Amino acid sequence: MTTDIERSVLDHLRASHEPLREFALYDRVVTDLGDAVSPDAFVSSMERLMTSGHVHVIADRDPLRKDPAPFQPRYYRVVD
């Protein structure tokens, strides 16, 4: 079962044609679905998408900026 958050994430990743930083992706999903999307619900959705093989994560080992908790310096790309 795919949630609205997961559908929005996959739509944005496909449209971008490049990896998106976790916090930037969250901002795009909130723009679509509203402030009802909590950071924790978003992170949980990303974990489900990674586990199910729909997205691939790339860790930024030397981030220049700090993202607010619970976000990490990670980039996601869709796996089609």
PDB file of N, CA and C in Angstrom:
ATOM      1  N   MET A   1       0.839  -1.176   0.000  1.00  0.00           N
ATOM      2  CA  MET A   1       0.000   0.000   0.000  1.00  0.00           C
ATOM      3  C   MET A   1       0.889   1.246   0.000  1.00  0.00           C
ATOM      4  N   THR A   2       0.668   2.099  -0.952  1.00  0.00           N
ATOM      5  CA  THR A   2       1.427   3.332  -1.058  1.00  0.00           C
ATOM      6  C   THR A   2       0.618   4.481  -0.457  1.00  0.00           C
ATOM      7  N   THR A   3       1.232   5.258   0.397  1.00  0.00           N
ATOM      8  CA  THR A   3       0.540   6.380   1.033  1.00  0.00           C
ATOM      9  C   THR A   3       0.627   7.619   0.143  1.00  0.00           C
ATOM     10  N   ASP A   4      -0.138   8.639   0.501  1.00  0.00           N
ATOM     11  CA  ASP A   4      -0.089   9.908  -0.230  1.00  0.00           C
ATOM     12  C   ASP A   4       1.314  10.504  -0.174  1.00  0.00           C
ATOM     13  N   ILE A   5       1.962  10.377   0.979  1.00  0.00           N
ATOM     14  CA  ILE A   5       3.330  10.892   1.121  1.00  0.00           C
ATOM     15  C   ILE A   5       4.248  10.173   0.138  1.00  0.00           C
ATOM     16  N   GLU A   6       4.161   8.861   0.103  1.00  0.00           N
ATOM     17  CA  GLU A   6       5.033   8.080  -0.781  1.00  0.00           C
ATOM     18  C   GLU A   6       4.764   8.391  -2.252  1.00  0.00           C
ATOM     19  N   ARG A   7       3.493   8.551  -2.615  1.00  0.00           N
ATOM     20  CA  ARG A   7       3.165   8.912  -4.003  1.00  0.00           C
ATOM     21  C   ARG A   7       3.760  10.265  -4.364  1.00  0.00           C
ATOM     22  N   SER A   8       3.630  11.228  -3.456  1.00  0.00           N
ATOM     23  CA  SER A   8       4.176  12.564  -3.701  1.00  0.00           C
ATOM     24  C   SER A   8       5.697  12.518  -3.833  1.00  0.00           C
ATOM     25  N   VAL A   9       6.351  11.767  -2.954  1.00  0.00           N
ATOM     26  CA  VAL A   9       7.811  11.611  -3.008  1.00  0.00           C
ATOM     27  C   VAL A   9       8.227  11.060  -4.374  1.00  0.00           C
ATOM     28  N   LEU A  10       7.598   9.971  -4.789  1.00  0.00           N
ATOM     29  CA  LEU A  10       7.969   9.341  -6.062  1.00  0.00           C
ATOM     30  C   LEU A  10       7.702  10.279  -7.236  1.00  0.00           C
ATOM     31  N   ASP A  11       6.599  11.014  -7.199  1.00  0.00           N
ATOM     32  CA  ASP A  11       6.306  11.977  -8.272  1.00  0.00           C
ATOM     33  C   ASP A  11       7.393  13.042  -8.364  1.00  0.00           C
ATOM     34  N   HIS A  12       7.804  13.577  -7.216  1.00  0.00           N
ATOM     35  CA  HIS A  12       8.834  14.630  -7.220  1.00  0.00           C
ATOM     36  C   HIS A  12      10.195  14.089  -7.664  1.00  0.00           C
ATOM     37  N   LEU A  13      10.529  12.893  -7.225  1.00  0.00           N
ATOM     38  CA  LEU A  13      11.812  12.319  -7.633  1.00  0.00           C
ATOM     39  C   LEU A  13      11.841  12.044  -9.132  1.00  0.00           C
ATOM     40  N   ARG A  14      10.745  11.541  -9.671  1.00  0.00           N
ATOM     41  CA  ARG A  14      10.688  11.291 -11.120  1.00  0.00           C
ATOM     42  C   ARG A  14      10.761  12.593 -11.902  1.00  0.00           C
ATOM     43  N   ALA A  15      10.072  13.610 -11.435  1.00  0.00           N
ATOM     44  CA  ALA A  15      10.051  14.899 -12.132  1.00  0.00           C
ATOM     45  C   ALA A  15      11.397  15.607 -12.085  1.00  0.00           C
ATOM     46  N   SER A  16      12.162  15.375 -11.049  1.00  0.00           N
ATOM     47  CA  SER A  16      13.430  16.092 -10.895  1.00  0.00           C
ATOM     48  C   SER A  16      14.526  15.562 -11.805  1.00  0.00           C
ATOM     49  N   HIS A  17      14.478  14.279 -12.147  1.00  0.00           N
ATOM     50  CA  HIS A  17      15.500  13.633 -12.977  1.00  0.00           C
ATOM     51  C   HIS A  17      16.889  13.689 -12.352  1.00  0.00           C
ATOM     52  N   GLU A  18      16.935  13.918 -11.036  1.00  0.00           N
ATOM     53  CA  GLU A  18      18.202  13.928 -10.313  1.00  0.00           C
ATOM     54  C   GLU A  18      17.919  13.666  -8.840  1.00  0.00           C
ATOM     55  N   PRO A  19      18.923  13.272  -8.077  1.00  0.00           N
ATOM     56  CA  PRO A  19      18.702  13.064  -6.636  1.00  0.00           C
ATOM     57  C   PRO A  19      18.297  14.367  -5.950  1.00  0.00           C
ATOM     58  N   LEU A  20      17.428  14.239  -4.957  1.00  0.00           N
ATOM     59  CA  LEU A  20      16.986  15.389  -4.172  1.00  0.00           C
ATOM     60  C   LEU A  20      17.384  15.200  -2.712  1.00  0.00           C
ATOM     61  N   ARG A  21      17.821  16.287  -2.109  1.00  0.00           N
ATOM     62  CA  ARG A  21      18.184  16.263  -0.697  1.00  0.00           C
ATOM     63  C   ARG A  21      16.929  16.038   0.145  1.00  0.00           C
ATOM     64  N   GLU A  22      17.066  15.291   1.221  1.00  0.00           N
ATOM     65  CA  GLU A  22      15.935  14.890   2.046  1.00  0.00           C
ATOM     66  C   GLU A  22      15.084  16.081   2.482  1.00  0.00           C
ATOM     67  N   PHE A  23      15.688  17.116   3.009  1.00  0.00           N
ATOM     68  CA  PHE A  23      14.914  18.253   3.507  1.00  0.00           C
ATOM     69  C   PHE A  23      14.213  18.986   2.368  1.00  0.00           C
ATOM     70  N   ALA A  24      14.865  19.119   1.217  1.00  0.00           N
ATOM     71  CA  ALA A  24      14.241  19.760   0.050  1.00  0.00           C
ATOM     72  C   ALA A  24      13.057  18.939  -0.449  1.00  0.00           C
ATOM     73  N   LEU A  25      13.203  17.628  -0.443  1.00  0.00           N
ATOM     74  CA  LEU A  25      12.120  16.739  -0.850  1.00  0.00           C
ATOM     75  C   LEU A  25      10.948  16.872   0.116  1.00  0.00           C
ATOM     76  N   TYR A  26      11.233  16.943   1.396  1.00  0.00           N
ATOM     77  CA  TYR A  26      10.185  17.142   2.401  1.00  0.00           C
ATOM     78  C   TYR A  26       9.424  18.439   2.124  1.00  0.00           C
ATOM     79  N   ASP A  27      10.131  19.512   1.827  1.00  0.00           N
ATOM     80  CA  ASP A  27       9.478  20.793   1.520  1.00  0.00           C
ATOM     81  C   ASP A  27       8.524  20.665   0.340  1.00  0.00           C
ATOM     82  N   ARG A  28       8.918  19.930  -0.672  1.00  0.00           N
ATOM     83  CA  ARG A  28       8.061  19.743  -1.854  1.00  0.00           C
ATOM     84  C   ARG A  28       6.818  18.933  -1.503  1.00  0.00           C
ATOM     85  N   VAL A  29       6.983  17.913  -0.671  1.00  0.00           N
ATOM     86  CA  VAL A  29       5.839  17.090  -0.259  1.00  0.00           C
ATOM     87  C   VAL A  29       4.867  17.920   0.586  1.00  0.00           C
ATOM     88  N   VAL A  30       5.385  18.743   1.478  1.00  0.00           N
ATOM     89  CA  VAL A  30       4.530  19.612   2.298  1.00  0.00           C
ATOM     90  C   VAL A  30       3.778  20.600   1.406  1.00  0.00           C
ATOM     91  N   THR A  31       4.417  21.079   0.355  1.00  0.00           N
ATOM     92  CA  THR A  31       3.740  21.977  -0.585  1.00  0.00           C
ATOM     93  C   THR A  31       2.547  21.267  -1.223  1.00  0.00           C
ATOM     94  N   ASP A  32       2.704  19.987  -1.532  1.00  0.00           N
ATOM     95  CA  ASP A  32       1.623  19.199  -2.128  1.00  0.00           C
ATOM     96  C   ASP A  32       0.527  18.857  -1.127  1.00  0.00           C
ATOM     97  N   LEU A  33       0.918  18.383   0.042  1.00  0.00           N
ATOM     98  CA  LEU A  33      -0.025  17.759   0.970  1.00  0.00           C
ATOM     99  C   LEU A  33      -0.350  18.599   2.203  1.00  0.00           C
ATOM    100  N   GLY A  34       0.363  19.667   2.405  1.00  0.00           N
ATOM    101  CA  GLY A  34       0.077  20.536   3.539  1.00  0.00           C
ATOM    102  C   GLY A  34       0.888  20.195   4.778  1.00  0.00           C
ATOM    103  N   ASP A  35       0.728  21.050   5.771  1.00  0.00           N
ATOM    104  CA  ASP A  35       1.492  20.926   7.011  1.00  0.00           C
ATOM    105  C   ASP A  35       1.116  19.709   7.841  1.00  0.00           C
ATOM    106  N   ALA A  36       0.097  18.970   7.415  1.00  0.00           N
ATOM    107  CA  ALA A  36      -0.284  17.755   8.142  1.00  0.00           C
ATOM    108  C   ALA A  36       0.786  16.678   8.028  1.00  0.00           C
ATOM    109  N   VAL A  37       1.714  16.844   7.079  1.00  0.00           N
ATOM    110  CA  VAL A  37       2.814  15.888   6.912  1.00  0.00           C
ATOM    111  C   VAL A  37       3.893  16.234   7.934  1.00  0.00           C
ATOM    112  N   SER A  38       4.018  15.402   8.938  1.00  0.00           N
ATOM    113  CA  SER A  38       5.034  15.664   9.960  1.00  0.00           C
ATOM    114  C   SER A  38       6.395  15.185   9.472  1.00  0.00           C
ATOM    115  N   PRO A  39       7.455  15.774   9.978  1.00  0.00           N
ATOM    116  CA  PRO A  39       8.794  15.300   9.617  1.00  0.00           C
ATOM    117  C   PRO A  39       8.980  13.810   9.918  1.00  0.00           C
ATOM    118  N   ASP A  40       8.458  13.350  11.043  1.00  0.00           N
ATOM    119  CA  ASP A  40       8.606  11.933  11.407  1.00  0.00           C
ATOM    120  C   ASP A  40       7.849  11.020  10.444  1.00  0.00           C
ATOM    121  N   ALA A  41       6.656  11.427  10.032  1.00  0.00           N
ATOM    122  CA  ALA A  41       5.886  10.623   9.071  1.00  0.00           C
ATOM    123  C   ALA A  41       6.618  10.575   7.726  1.00  0.00           C
ATOM    124  N   PHE A  42       7.236  11.686   7.344  1.00  0.00           N
ATOM    125  CA  PHE A  42       7.993  11.721   6.092  1.00  0.00           C
ATOM    126  C   PHE A  42       9.188  10.772   6.164  1.00  0.00           C
ATOM    127  N   VAL A  43       9.948  10.842   7.239  1.00  0.00           N
ATOM    128  CA  VAL A  43      11.126   9.975   7.390  1.00  0.00           C
ATOM    129  C   VAL A  43      10.707   8.509   7.398  1.00  0.00           C
ATOM    130  N   SER A  44       9.601   8.191   8.065  1.00  0.00           N
ATOM    131  CA  SER A  44       9.099   6.807   8.070  1.00  0.00           C
ATOM    132  C   SER A  44       8.716   6.355   6.667  1.00  0.00           C
ATOM    133  N   SER A  45       8.099   7.243   5.910  1.00  0.00           N
ATOM    134  CA  SER A  45       7.738   6.916   4.526  1.00  0.00           C
ATOM    135  C   SER A  45       8.978   6.667   3.683  1.00  0.00           C
ATOM    136  N   MET A  46      10.018   7.466   3.895  1.00  0.00           N
ATOM    137  CA  MET A  46      11.259   7.281   3.133  1.00  0.00           C
ATOM    138  C   MET A  46      11.894   5.940   3.477  1.00  0.00           C
ATOM    139  N   GLU A  47      11.842   5.563   4.738  1.00  0.00           N
ATOM    140  CA  GLU A  47      12.388   4.260   5.150  1.00  0.00           C
ATOM    141  C   GLU A  47      11.632   3.111   4.476  1.00  0.00           C
ATOM    142  N   ARG A  48      10.293   3.230   4.387  1.00  0.00           N
ATOM    143  CA  ARG A  48       9.508   2.201   3.700  1.00  0.00           C
ATOM    144  C   ARG A  48       9.859   2.141   2.220  1.00  0.00           C
ATOM    145  N   LEU A  49      10.032   3.300   1.588  1.00  0.00           N
ATOM    146  CA  LEU A  49      10.388   3.327   0.164  1.00  0.00           C
ATOM    147  C   LEU A  49      11.775   2.733  -0.083  1.00  0.00           C
ATOM    148  N   MET A  50      12.712   2.993   0.826  1.00  0.00           N
ATOM    149  CA  MET A  50      14.051   2.402   0.693  1.00  0.00           C
ATOM    150  C   MET A  50      13.994   0.896   0.878  1.00  0.00           C
ATOM    151  N   THR A  51      13.295   0.450   1.907  1.00  0.00           N
ATOM    152  CA  THR A  51      13.200  -0.980   2.210  1.00  0.00           C
ATOM    153  C   THR A  51      12.536  -1.752   1.075  1.00  0.00           C
ATOM    154  N   SER A  52      11.542  -1.142   0.460  1.00  0.00           N
ATOM    155  CA  SER A  52      10.820  -1.813  -0.624  1.00  0.00           C
ATOM    156  C   SER A  52      11.537  -1.694  -1.963  1.00  0.00           C
ATOM    157  N   GLY A  53      12.644  -0.945  -1.993  1.00  0.00           N
ATOM    158  CA  GLY A  53      13.440  -0.851  -3.216  1.00  0.00           C
ATOM    159  C   GLY A  53      12.969   0.186  -4.219  1.00  0.00           C
ATOM    160  N   HIS A  54      12.095   1.106  -3.797  1.00  0.00           N
ATOM    161  CA  HIS A  54      11.597   2.139  -4.707  1.00  0.00           C
ATOM    162  C   HIS A  54      12.526   3.347  -4.818  1.00  0.00           C
ATOM    163  N   VAL A  55      13.309   3.587  -3.774  1.00  0.00           N
ATOM    164  CA  VAL A  55      14.259   4.698  -3.802  1.00  0.00           C
ATOM    165  C   VAL A  55      15.620   4.227  -3.322  1.00  0.00           C
ATOM    166  N   HIS A  56      16.622   4.931  -3.772  1.00  0.00           N
ATOM    167  CA  HIS A  56      18.001   4.671  -3.365  1.00  0.00           C
ATOM    168  C   HIS A  56      18.481   5.912  -2.634  1.00  0.00           C
ATOM    169  N   VAL A  57      19.240   5.709  -1.560  1.00  0.00           N
ATOM    170  CA  VAL A  57      19.738   6.835  -0.772  1.00  0.00           C
ATOM    171  C   VAL A  57      21.239   6.997  -0.990  1.00  0.00           C
ATOM    172  N   ILE A  58      21.665   8.257  -1.041  1.00  0.00           N
ATOM    173  CA  ILE A  58      23.074   8.611  -1.165  1.00  0.00           C
ATOM    174  C   ILE A  58      23.387   9.534   0.020  1.00  0.00           C
ATOM    175  N   ALA A  59      24.288   9.129   0.869  1.00  0.00           N
ATOM    176  CA  ALA A  59      24.637   9.945   2.038  1.00  0.00           C
ATOM    177  C   ALA A  59      25.665  10.991   1.659  1.00  0.00           C
ATOM    178  N   ASP A  60      25.463  12.207   2.133  1.00  0.00           N
ATOM    179  CA  ASP A  60      26.418  13.296   1.945  1.00  0.00           C
ATOM    180  C   ASP A  60      27.415  13.204   3.093  1.00  0.00           C
ATOM    181  N   ARG A  61      28.610  12.754   2.807  1.00  0.00           N
ATOM    182  CA  ARG A  61      29.603  12.494   3.856  1.00  0.00           C
ATOM    183  C   ARG A  61      30.251  13.762   4.405  1.00  0.00           C
ATOM    184  N   ASP A  62      30.160  14.863   3.665  1.00  0.00           N
ATOM    185  CA  ASP A  62      30.794  16.105   4.110  1.00  0.00           C
ATOM    186  C   ASP A  62      29.836  17.272   3.861  1.00  0.00           C
ATOM    187  N   PRO A  63      28.722  17.309   4.615  1.00  0.00           N
ATOM    188  CA  PRO A  63      27.717  18.342   4.344  1.00  0.00           C
ATOM    189  C   PRO A  63      28.208  19.734   4.728  1.00  0.00           C
ATOM    190  N   LEU A  64      27.857  20.712   3.898  1.00  0.00           N
ATOM    191  CA  LEU A  64      28.204  22.103   4.174  1.00  0.00           C
ATOM    192  C   LEU A  64      27.173  22.769   5.069  1.00  0.00           C
ATOM    193  N   ARG A  65      25.983  22.227   5.050  1.00  0.00           N
ATOM    194  CA  ARG A  65      24.926  22.817   5.880  1.00  0.00           C
ATOM    195  C   ARG A  65      24.302  21.739   6.759  1.00  0.00           C
ATOM    196  N   LYS A  66      23.699  22.188   7.823  1.00  0.00           N
ATOM    197  CA  LYS A  66      23.022  21.280   8.752  1.00  0.00           C
ATOM    198  C   LYS A  66      21.522  21.360   8.502  1.00  0.00           C
ATOM    199  N   ASP A  67      20.900  20.221   8.352  1.00  0.00           N
ATOM    200  CA  ASP A  67      19.461  20.162   8.191  1.00  0.00           C
ATOM    201  C   ASP A  67      18.817  19.996   9.563  1.00  0.00           C
ATOM    202  N   PRO A  68      17.595  20.524   9.734  1.00  0.00           N
ATOM    203  CA  PRO A  68      16.939  20.380  11.034  1.00  0.00           C
ATOM    204  C   PRO A  68      16.577  18.926  11.314  1.00  0.00           C
ATOM    205  N   ALA A  69      16.566  18.552  12.585  1.00  0.00           N
ATOM    206  CA  ALA A  69      16.174  17.186  12.976  1.00  0.00           C
ATOM    207  C   ALA A  69      14.723  16.960  12.565  1.00  0.00           C
ATOM    208  N   PRO A  70      14.344  15.803  12.139  1.00  0.00           N
ATOM    209  CA  PRO A  70      15.050  14.535  12.098  1.00  0.00           C
ATOM    210  C   PRO A  70      15.742  14.273  10.761  1.00  0.00           C
ATOM    211  N   PHE A  71      15.918  15.307   9.949  1.00  0.00           N
ATOM    212  CA  PHE A  71      16.472  15.131   8.613  1.00  0.00           C
ATOM    213  C   PHE A  71      17.980  14.954   8.659  1.00  0.00           C
ATOM    214  N   GLN A  72      18.463  14.143   7.754  1.00  0.00           N
ATOM    215  CA  GLN A  72      19.888  13.845   7.645  1.00  0.00           C
ATOM    216  C   GLN A  72      20.400  14.371   6.299  1.00  0.00           C
ATOM    217  N   PRO A  73      21.711  14.532   6.165  1.00  0.00           N
ATOM    218  CA  PRO A  73      22.265  14.978   4.881  1.00  0.00           C
ATOM    219  C   PRO A  73      22.275  13.825   3.868  1.00  0.00           C
ATOM    220  N   ARG A  74      21.073  13.500   3.367  1.00  0.00           N
ATOM    221  CA  ARG A  74      20.915  12.386   2.430  1.00  0.00           C
ATOM    222  C   ARG A  74      20.234  12.891   1.178  1.00  0.00           C
ATOM    223  N   TYR A  75      20.563  12.239   0.076  1.00  0.00           N
ATOM    224  CA  TYR A  75      19.920  12.486  -1.197  1.00  0.00           C
ATOM    225  C   TYR A  75      19.216  11.216  -1.624  1.00  0.00           C
ATOM    226  N   TYR A  76      18.054  11.384  -2.247  1.00  0.00           N
ATOM    227  CA  TYR A  76      17.287  10.233  -2.728  1.00  0.00           C
ATOM    228  C   TYR A  76      17.123  10.305  -4.231  1.00  0.00           C
ATOM    229  N   ARG A  77      17.107   9.144  -4.839  1.00  0.00           N
ATOM    230  CA  ARG A  77      16.761   9.041  -6.258  1.00  0.00           C
ATOM    231  C   ARG A  77      15.806   7.885  -6.420  1.00  0.00           C
ATOM    232  N   VAL A  78      14.939   7.997  -7.405  1.00  0.00           N
ATOM    233  CA  VAL A  78      13.945   6.958  -7.645  1.00  0.00           C
ATOM    234  C   VAL A  78      14.588   5.787  -8.363  1.00  0.00           C
ATOM    235  N   VAL A  79      14.138   4.590  -8.060  1.00  0.00           N
ATOM    236  CA  VAL A  79      14.598   3.375  -8.727  1.00  0.00           C
ATOM    237  C   VAL A  79      13.422   2.890  -9.563  1.00  0.00           C
ATOM    238  N   ASP A  80      13.560   2.942 -10.880  1.00  0.00           N
ATOM    239  CA  ASP A  80      12.490   2.469 -11.769  1.00  0.00           C
ATOM    240  C   ASP A  80      12.858   1.161 -12.401  1.00  0.00           C
TER     241      ASP A  80
END
